[in-house]
């Protein structure tokens, strides 16, 4: 049950989540509009959830309606990187 960063992160890129992640699975790129969680590296610890200032991080089982596509958005960021 990896965690997923959803739409509220777009344009914010706060990075509080990066600072608390024990496995360094949250990344972005200069040109990206948000942060992303690598589903293959996430250990489901939920450390990132409470520090997110815009409540953008959810487990794949608890995503709000309308945010489901962000599971693929997060995975694609890591799959499509060189």
PDB file of N, CA and C in Angstrom:
ATOM      1  N   UNK A   1       0.836  -1.179   0.000  1.00  0.00           N
ATOM      2  CA  UNK A   1       0.000   0.000   0.000  1.00  0.00           C
ATOM      3  C   UNK A   1       0.880   1.242   0.000  1.00  0.00           C
ATOM      4  N   UNK A   2       1.537   1.557  -1.108  1.00  0.00           N
ATOM      5  CA  UNK A   2       2.360   2.767  -1.126  1.00  0.00           C
ATOM      6  C   UNK A   2       1.506   4.021  -1.006  1.00  0.00           C
ATOM      7  N   UNK A   3       2.166   5.084  -0.630  1.00  0.00           N
ATOM      8  CA  UNK A   3       1.497   6.371  -0.544  1.00  0.00           C
ATOM      9  C   UNK A   3       1.636   7.091  -1.871  1.00  0.00           C
ATOM     10  N   UNK A   4       0.729   8.030  -2.107  1.00  0.00           N
ATOM     11  CA  UNK A   4       0.649   8.748  -3.369  1.00  0.00           C
ATOM     12  C   UNK A   4       0.490  10.228  -3.071  1.00  0.00           C
ATOM     13  N   UNK A   5       1.200  11.047  -3.818  1.00  0.00           N
ATOM     14  CA  UNK A   5       1.026  12.499  -3.707  1.00  0.00           C
ATOM     15  C   UNK A   5      -0.003  12.907  -4.753  1.00  0.00           C
ATOM     16  N   UNK A   6      -0.981  13.676  -4.336  1.00  0.00           N
ATOM     17  CA  UNK A   6      -2.122  14.010  -5.188  1.00  0.00           C
ATOM     18  C   UNK A   6      -2.140  15.498  -5.563  1.00  0.00           C
ATOM     19  N   UNK A   7      -3.191  15.894  -6.212  1.00  0.00           N
ATOM     20  CA  UNK A   7      -3.345  17.216  -6.824  1.00  0.00           C
ATOM     21  C   UNK A   7      -3.025  18.424  -5.933  1.00  0.00           C
ATOM     22  N   UNK A   8      -3.354  18.435  -4.654  1.00  0.00           N
ATOM     23  CA  UNK A   8      -3.053  19.631  -3.861  1.00  0.00           C
ATOM     24  C   UNK A   8      -1.570  20.025  -3.832  1.00  0.00           C
ATOM     25  N   UNK A   9      -0.682  19.106  -4.179  1.00  0.00           N
ATOM     26  CA  UNK A   9       0.749  19.410  -4.204  1.00  0.00           C
ATOM     27  C   UNK A   9       1.141  20.248  -5.427  1.00  0.00           C
ATOM     28  N   UNK A  10       0.343  20.197  -6.462  1.00  0.00           N
ATOM     29  CA  UNK A  10       0.689  20.905  -7.692  1.00  0.00           C
ATOM     30  C   UNK A  10       0.886  22.387  -7.403  1.00  0.00           C
ATOM     31  N   UNK A  11       2.056  22.871  -7.772  1.00  0.00           N
ATOM     32  CA  UNK A  11       2.394  24.276  -7.584  1.00  0.00           C
ATOM     33  C   UNK A  11       2.915  24.624  -6.206  1.00  0.00           C
ATOM     34  N   UNK A  12       2.875  23.688  -5.261  1.00  0.00           N
ATOM     35  CA  UNK A  12       3.318  23.979  -3.895  1.00  0.00           C
ATOM     36  C   UNK A  12       4.764  23.550  -3.689  1.00  0.00           C
ATOM     37  N   UNK A  13       5.053  22.281  -3.938  1.00  0.00           N
ATOM     38  CA  UNK A  13       6.401  21.726  -3.815  1.00  0.00           C
ATOM     39  C   UNK A  13       7.089  22.161  -2.522  1.00  0.00           C
ATOM     40  N   UNK A  14       6.462  21.907  -1.405  1.00  0.00           N
ATOM     41  CA  UNK A  14       6.955  22.310  -0.084  1.00  0.00           C
ATOM     42  C   UNK A  14       8.193  21.549   0.377  1.00  0.00           C
ATOM     43  N   UNK A  15       8.302  20.274   0.118  1.00  0.00           N
ATOM     44  CA  UNK A  15       9.443  19.414   0.460  1.00  0.00           C
ATOM     45  C   UNK A  15       9.505  18.966   1.909  1.00  0.00           C
ATOM     46  N   UNK A  16       8.538  19.292   2.730  1.00  0.00           N
ATOM     47  CA  UNK A  16       8.523  18.776   4.100  1.00  0.00           C
ATOM     48  C   UNK A  16       8.502  17.255   4.091  1.00  0.00           C
ATOM     49  N   UNK A  17       7.811  16.685   3.135  1.00  0.00           N
ATOM     50  CA  UNK A  17       7.714  15.231   3.024  1.00  0.00           C
ATOM     51  C   UNK A  17       9.069  14.599   2.724  1.00  0.00           C
ATOM     52  N   UNK A  18       9.860  15.265   1.923  1.00  0.00           N
ATOM     53  CA  UNK A  18      11.183  14.752   1.562  1.00  0.00           C
ATOM     54  C   UNK A  18      12.060  14.657   2.804  1.00  0.00           C
ATOM     55  N   UNK A  19      11.992  15.653   3.641  1.00  0.00           N
ATOM     56  CA  UNK A  19      12.828  15.711   4.839  1.00  0.00           C
ATOM     57  C   UNK A  19      12.563  14.569   5.816  1.00  0.00           C
ATOM     58  N   UNK A  20      11.353  14.048   5.866  1.00  0.00           N
ATOM     59  CA  UNK A  20      11.022  13.004   6.842  1.00  0.00           C
ATOM     60  C   UNK A  20      11.028  11.591   6.266  1.00  0.00           C
ATOM     61  N   UNK A  21      11.157  11.443   4.987  1.00  0.00           N
ATOM     62  CA  UNK A  21      11.110  10.113   4.370  1.00  0.00           C
ATOM     63  C   UNK A  21      12.366   9.312   4.714  1.00  0.00           C
ATOM     64  N   UNK A  22      12.205   8.178   5.401  1.00  0.00           N
ATOM     65  CA  UNK A  22      13.375   7.406   5.809  1.00  0.00           C
ATOM     66  C   UNK A  22      14.046   6.616   4.685  1.00  0.00           C
ATOM     67  N   UNK A  23      13.374   6.486   3.539  1.00  0.00           N
ATOM     68  CA  UNK A  23      13.959   5.705   2.443  1.00  0.00           C
ATOM     69  C   UNK A  23      14.197   6.534   1.179  1.00  0.00           C
ATOM     70  N   UNK A  24      14.069   7.840   1.285  1.00  0.00           N
ATOM     71  CA  UNK A  24      14.354   8.741   0.167  1.00  0.00           C
ATOM     72  C   UNK A  24      13.589   8.357  -1.105  1.00  0.00           C
ATOM     73  N   UNK A  25      12.283   8.144  -0.965  1.00  0.00           N
ATOM     74  CA  UNK A  25      11.490   7.732  -2.130  1.00  0.00           C
ATOM     75  C   UNK A  25      10.640   8.861  -2.716  1.00  0.00           C
ATOM     76  N   UNK A  26      10.813  10.084  -2.213  1.00  0.00           N
ATOM     77  CA  UNK A  26      10.023  11.220  -2.706  1.00  0.00           C
ATOM     78  C   UNK A  26      10.948  12.151  -3.482  1.00  0.00           C
ATOM     79  N   UNK A  27      10.597  12.371  -4.748  1.00  0.00           N
ATOM     80  CA  UNK A  27      11.472  13.158  -5.621  1.00  0.00           C
ATOM     81  C   UNK A  27      10.650  14.082  -6.508  1.00  0.00           C
ATOM     82  N   UNK A  28      11.369  14.975  -7.160  1.00  0.00           N
ATOM     83  CA  UNK A  28      10.795  15.864  -8.154  1.00  0.00           C
ATOM     84  C   UNK A  28      11.887  16.198  -9.155  1.00  0.00           C
ATOM     85  N   UNK A  29      11.572  17.027 -10.109  1.00  0.00           N
ATOM     86  CA  UNK A  29      12.529  17.559 -11.069  1.00  0.00           C
ATOM     87  C   UNK A  29      12.254  19.050 -11.171  1.00  0.00           C
ATOM     88  N   UNK A  30      13.234  19.804 -11.594  1.00  0.00           N
ATOM     89  CA  UNK A  30      13.058  21.256 -11.684  1.00  0.00           C
ATOM     90  C   UNK A  30      11.828  21.625 -12.508  1.00  0.00           C
ATOM     91  N   UNK A  31      11.607  20.900 -13.583  1.00  0.00           N
ATOM     92  CA  UNK A  31      10.494  21.218 -14.471  1.00  0.00           C
ATOM     93  C   UNK A  31       9.160  20.614 -14.022  1.00  0.00           C
ATOM     94  N   UNK A  32       9.180  19.761 -13.026  1.00  0.00           N
ATOM     95  CA  UNK A  32       7.950  19.119 -12.541  1.00  0.00           C
ATOM     96  C   UNK A  32       7.143  20.087 -11.688  1.00  0.00           C
ATOM     97  N   UNK A  33       5.835  19.897 -11.676  1.00  0.00           N
ATOM     98  CA  UNK A  33       4.962  20.799 -10.940  1.00  0.00           C
ATOM     99  C   UNK A  33       4.639  20.332  -9.529  1.00  0.00           C
ATOM    100  N   UNK A  34       5.158  19.146  -9.143  1.00  0.00           N
ATOM    101  CA  UNK A  34       4.865  18.599  -7.829  1.00  0.00           C
ATOM    102  C   UNK A  34       5.932  17.584  -7.437  1.00  0.00           C
ATOM    103  N   UNK A  35       5.795  17.021  -6.251  1.00  0.00           N
ATOM    104  CA  UNK A  35       6.636  15.906  -5.813  1.00  0.00           C
ATOM    105  C   UNK A  35       5.912  14.605  -6.114  1.00  0.00           C
ATOM    106  N   UNK A  36       6.694  13.513  -6.144  1.00  0.00           N
ATOM    107  CA  UNK A  36       6.158  12.198  -6.478  1.00  0.00           C
ATOM    108  C   UNK A  36       6.760  11.159  -5.550  1.00  0.00           C
ATOM    109  N   UNK A  37       5.983  10.127  -5.232  1.00  0.00           N
ATOM    110  CA  UNK A  37       6.455   9.025  -4.400  1.00  0.00           C
ATOM    111  C   UNK A  37       6.684   7.802  -5.282  1.00  0.00           C
ATOM    112  N   UNK A  38       7.865   7.220  -5.167  1.00  0.00           N
ATOM    113  CA  UNK A  38       8.202   6.019  -5.921  1.00  0.00           C
ATOM    114  C   UNK A  38       7.496   4.822  -5.282  1.00  0.00           C
ATOM    115  N   UNK A  39       6.531   4.218  -5.982  1.00  0.00           N
ATOM    116  CA  UNK A  39       5.767   3.114  -5.388  1.00  0.00           C
ATOM    117  C   UNK A  39       6.614   1.871  -5.123  1.00  0.00           C
ATOM    118  N   UNK A  40       7.734   1.744  -5.816  1.00  0.00           N
ATOM    119  CA  UNK A  40       8.600   0.589  -5.615  1.00  0.00           C
ATOM    120  C   UNK A  40       9.521   0.757  -4.416  1.00  0.00           C
ATOM    121  N   UNK A  41       9.716   1.989  -3.959  1.00  0.00           N
ATOM    122  CA  UNK A  41      10.604   2.250  -2.826  1.00  0.00           C
ATOM    123  C   UNK A  41       9.871   2.583  -1.535  1.00  0.00           C
ATOM    124  N   UNK A  42       8.631   3.034  -1.648  1.00  0.00           N
ATOM    125  CA  UNK A  42       7.854   3.439  -0.476  1.00  0.00           C
ATOM    126  C   UNK A  42       7.655   2.243   0.460  1.00  0.00           C
ATOM    127  N   UNK A  43       7.936   2.443   1.748  1.00  0.00           N
ATOM    128  CA  UNK A  43       7.784   1.361   2.730  1.00  0.00           C
ATOM    129  C   UNK A  43       6.510   1.515   3.559  1.00  0.00           C
ATOM    130  N   UNK A  44       5.629   2.385   3.130  1.00  0.00           N
ATOM    131  CA  UNK A  44       4.320   2.560   3.772  1.00  0.00           C
ATOM    132  C   UNK A  44       4.417   2.994   5.228  1.00  0.00           C
ATOM    133  N   UNK A  45       5.388   3.806   5.551  1.00  0.00           N
ATOM    134  CA  UNK A  45       5.579   4.211   6.946  1.00  0.00           C
ATOM    135  C   UNK A  45       4.662   5.355   7.355  1.00  0.00           C
ATOM    136  N   UNK A  46       4.147   6.095   6.414  1.00  0.00           N
ATOM    137  CA  UNK A  46       3.246   7.235   6.594  1.00  0.00           C
ATOM    138  C   UNK A  46       3.892   8.456   7.246  1.00  0.00           C
ATOM    139  N   UNK A  47       5.206   8.488   7.345  1.00  0.00           N
ATOM    140  CA  UNK A  47       5.883   9.642   7.948  1.00  0.00           C
ATOM    141  C   UNK A  47       5.586  10.936   7.190  1.00  0.00           C
ATOM    142  N   UNK A  48       5.377  10.845   5.906  1.00  0.00           N
ATOM    143  CA  UNK A  48       5.150  12.021   5.073  1.00  0.00           C
ATOM    144  C   UNK A  48       3.748  12.610   5.220  1.00  0.00           C
ATOM    145  N   UNK A  49       2.800  11.809   5.616  1.00  0.00           N
ATOM    146  CA  UNK A  49       1.394  12.225   5.624  1.00  0.00           C
ATOM    147  C   UNK A  49       1.147  13.425   6.532  1.00  0.00           C
ATOM    148  N   UNK A  50       1.571  13.356   7.751  1.00  0.00           N
ATOM    149  CA  UNK A  50       1.264  14.419   8.718  1.00  0.00           C
ATOM    150  C   UNK A  50       2.033  15.710   8.502  1.00  0.00           C
ATOM    151  N   UNK A  51       3.149  15.662   7.793  1.00  0.00           N
ATOM    152  CA  UNK A  51       3.926  16.886   7.577  1.00  0.00           C
ATOM    153  C   UNK A  51       3.516  17.646   6.323  1.00  0.00           C
ATOM    154  N   UNK A  52       2.706  17.051   5.488  1.00  0.00           N
ATOM    155  CA  UNK A  52       2.286  17.714   4.252  1.00  0.00           C
ATOM    156  C   UNK A  52       1.377  18.900   4.581  1.00  0.00           C
ATOM    157  N   UNK A  53       1.791  20.114   4.211  1.00  0.00           N
ATOM    158  CA  UNK A  53       1.007  21.298   4.571  1.00  0.00           C
ATOM    159  C   UNK A  53      -0.294  21.459   3.778  1.00  0.00           C
ATOM    160  N   UNK A  54      -0.438  20.699   2.701  1.00  0.00           N
ATOM    161  CA  UNK A  54      -1.648  20.822   1.882  1.00  0.00           C
ATOM    162  C   UNK A  54      -2.464  19.530   1.840  1.00  0.00           C
ATOM    163  N   UNK A  55      -2.177  18.593   2.730  1.00  0.00           N
ATOM    164  CA  UNK A  55      -2.907  17.322   2.806  1.00  0.00           C
ATOM    165  C   UNK A  55      -3.028  16.640   1.444  1.00  0.00           C
ATOM    166  N   UNK A  56      -1.883  16.466   0.786  1.00  0.00           N
ATOM    167  CA  UNK A  56      -1.870  15.895  -0.550  1.00  0.00           C
ATOM    168  C   UNK A  56      -1.470  14.425  -0.585  1.00  0.00           C
ATOM    169  N   UNK A  57      -1.090  13.829   0.549  1.00  0.00           N
ATOM    170  CA  UNK A  57      -0.545  12.471   0.541  1.00  0.00           C
ATOM    171  C   UNK A  57      -1.535  11.487   1.156  1.00  0.00           C
ATOM    172  N   UNK A  58      -1.804  10.431   0.383  1.00  0.00           N
ATOM    173  CA  UNK A  58      -2.777   9.411   0.795  1.00  0.00           C
ATOM    174  C   UNK A  58      -2.257   8.028   0.456  1.00  0.00           C
ATOM    175  N   UNK A  59      -2.701   7.034   1.211  1.00  0.00           N
ATOM    176  CA  UNK A  59      -2.408   5.660   0.825  1.00  0.00           C
ATOM    177  C   UNK A  59      -3.250   5.345  -0.404  1.00  0.00           C
ATOM    178  N   UNK A  60      -2.838   4.351  -1.120  1.00  0.00           N
ATOM    179  CA  UNK A  60      -3.586   3.989  -2.327  1.00  0.00           C
ATOM    180  C   UNK A  60      -4.990   3.507  -1.983  1.00  0.00           C
ATOM    181  N   UNK A  61      -5.206   3.104  -0.741  1.00  0.00           N
ATOM    182  CA  UNK A  61      -6.526   2.638  -0.319  1.00  0.00           C
ATOM    183  C   UNK A  61      -7.439   3.757   0.189  1.00  0.00           C
ATOM    184  N   UNK A  62      -6.872   4.911   0.488  1.00  0.00           N
ATOM    185  CA  UNK A  62      -7.649   5.995   1.092  1.00  0.00           C
ATOM    186  C   UNK A  62      -7.723   7.261   0.249  1.00  0.00           C
ATOM    187  N   UNK A  63      -7.393   7.183  -1.025  1.00  0.00           N
ATOM    188  CA  UNK A  63      -7.399   8.384  -1.853  1.00  0.00           C
ATOM    189  C   UNK A  63      -8.802   8.947  -2.007  1.00  0.00           C
ATOM    190  N   UNK A  64      -8.909  10.268  -1.926  1.00  0.00           N
ATOM    191  CA  UNK A  64     -10.218  10.898  -2.137  1.00  0.00           C
ATOM    192  C   UNK A  64     -10.716  10.669  -3.567  1.00  0.00           C
ATOM    193  N   UNK A  65     -12.000  10.665  -3.721  1.00  0.00           N
ATOM    194  CA  UNK A  65     -12.597  10.520  -5.045  1.00  0.00           C
ATOM    195  C   UNK A  65     -12.052  11.602  -5.969  1.00  0.00           C
ATOM    196  N   UNK A  66     -11.741  11.201  -7.171  1.00  0.00           N
ATOM    197  CA  UNK A  66     -11.225  12.135  -8.162  1.00  0.00           C
ATOM    198  C   UNK A  66      -9.710  12.244  -8.171  1.00  0.00           C
ATOM    199  N   UNK A  67      -9.050  11.615  -7.227  1.00  0.00           N
ATOM    200  CA  UNK A  67      -7.589  11.696  -7.144  1.00  0.00           C
ATOM    201  C   UNK A  67      -6.902  10.390  -7.564  1.00  0.00           C
ATOM    202  N   UNK A  68      -7.674   9.403  -7.944  1.00  0.00           N
ATOM    203  CA  UNK A  68      -7.146   8.079  -8.242  1.00  0.00           C
ATOM    204  C   UNK A  68      -6.089   8.085  -9.333  1.00  0.00           C
ATOM    205  N   UNK A  69      -6.205   8.969 -10.293  1.00  0.00           N
ATOM    206  CA  UNK A  69      -5.240   9.004 -11.403  1.00  0.00           C
ATOM    207  C   UNK A  69      -3.830   9.316 -10.935  1.00  0.00           C
ATOM    208  N   UNK A  70      -3.697   9.902  -9.754  1.00  0.00           N
ATOM    209  CA  UNK A  70      -2.370  10.263  -9.262  1.00  0.00           C
ATOM    210  C   UNK A  70      -1.530   9.052  -8.860  1.00  0.00           C
ATOM    211  N   UNK A  71      -2.163   7.907  -8.681  1.00  0.00           N
ATOM    212  CA  UNK A  71      -1.390   6.686  -8.461  1.00  0.00           C
ATOM    213  C   UNK A  71      -0.512   6.419  -9.688  1.00  0.00           C
ATOM    214  N   UNK A  72      -1.092   6.550 -10.868  1.00  0.00           N
ATOM    215  CA  UNK A  72      -0.334   6.362 -12.109  1.00  0.00           C
ATOM    216  C   UNK A  72       0.602   7.547 -12.369  1.00  0.00           C
ATOM    217  N   UNK A  73       0.185   8.749 -12.046  1.00  0.00           N
ATOM    218  CA  UNK A  73       1.037   9.928 -12.228  1.00  0.00           C
ATOM    219  C   UNK A  73       2.340   9.764 -11.446  1.00  0.00           C
ATOM    220  N   UNK A  74       2.244   9.337 -10.191  1.00  0.00           N
ATOM    221  CA  UNK A  74       3.432   9.132  -9.374  1.00  0.00           C
ATOM    222  C   UNK A  74       4.313   8.028  -9.959  1.00  0.00           C
ATOM    223  N   UNK A  75       3.735   6.890 -10.299  1.00  0.00           N
ATOM    224  CA  UNK A  75       4.495   5.767 -10.849  1.00  0.00           C
ATOM    225  C   UNK A  75       5.163   6.147 -12.168  1.00  0.00           C
ATOM    226  N   UNK A  76       4.456   6.867 -13.018  1.00  0.00           N
ATOM    227  CA  UNK A  76       4.987   7.254 -14.323  1.00  0.00           C
ATOM    228  C   UNK A  76       6.200   8.170 -14.201  1.00  0.00           C
ATOM    229  N   UNK A  77       6.222   9.026 -13.189  1.00  0.00           N
ATOM    230  CA  UNK A  77       7.364   9.917 -13.001  1.00  0.00           C
ATOM    231  C   UNK A  77       8.650   9.102 -12.878  1.00  0.00           C
ATOM    232  N   UNK A  78       8.625   8.010 -12.161  1.00  0.00           N
ATOM    233  CA  UNK A  78       9.817   7.184 -11.967  1.00  0.00           C
ATOM    234  C   UNK A  78      10.063   6.241 -13.120  1.00  0.00           C
ATOM    235  N   UNK A  79       9.040   5.757 -13.728  1.00  0.00           N
ATOM    236  CA  UNK A  79       9.162   4.838 -14.855  1.00  0.00           C
ATOM    237  C   UNK A  79       9.726   5.546 -16.085  1.00  0.00           C
ATOM    238  N   UNK A  80       9.347   6.798 -16.275  1.00  0.00           N
ATOM    239  CA  UNK A  80       9.715   7.529 -17.482  1.00  0.00           C
ATOM    240  C   UNK A  80      11.008   8.331 -17.369  1.00  0.00           C
ATOM    241  N   UNK A  81      11.657   8.253 -16.220  1.00  0.00           N
ATOM    242  CA  UNK A  81      12.912   8.992 -16.033  1.00  0.00           C
ATOM    243  C   UNK A  81      14.082   8.238 -16.636  1.00  0.00           C
ATOM    244  N   UNK A  82      15.061   8.970 -17.170  1.00  0.00           N
ATOM    245  CA  UNK A  82      16.243   8.304 -17.718  1.00  0.00           C
ATOM    246  C   UNK A  82      17.093   7.672 -16.647  1.00  0.00           C
TER     247      UNK A  82
END
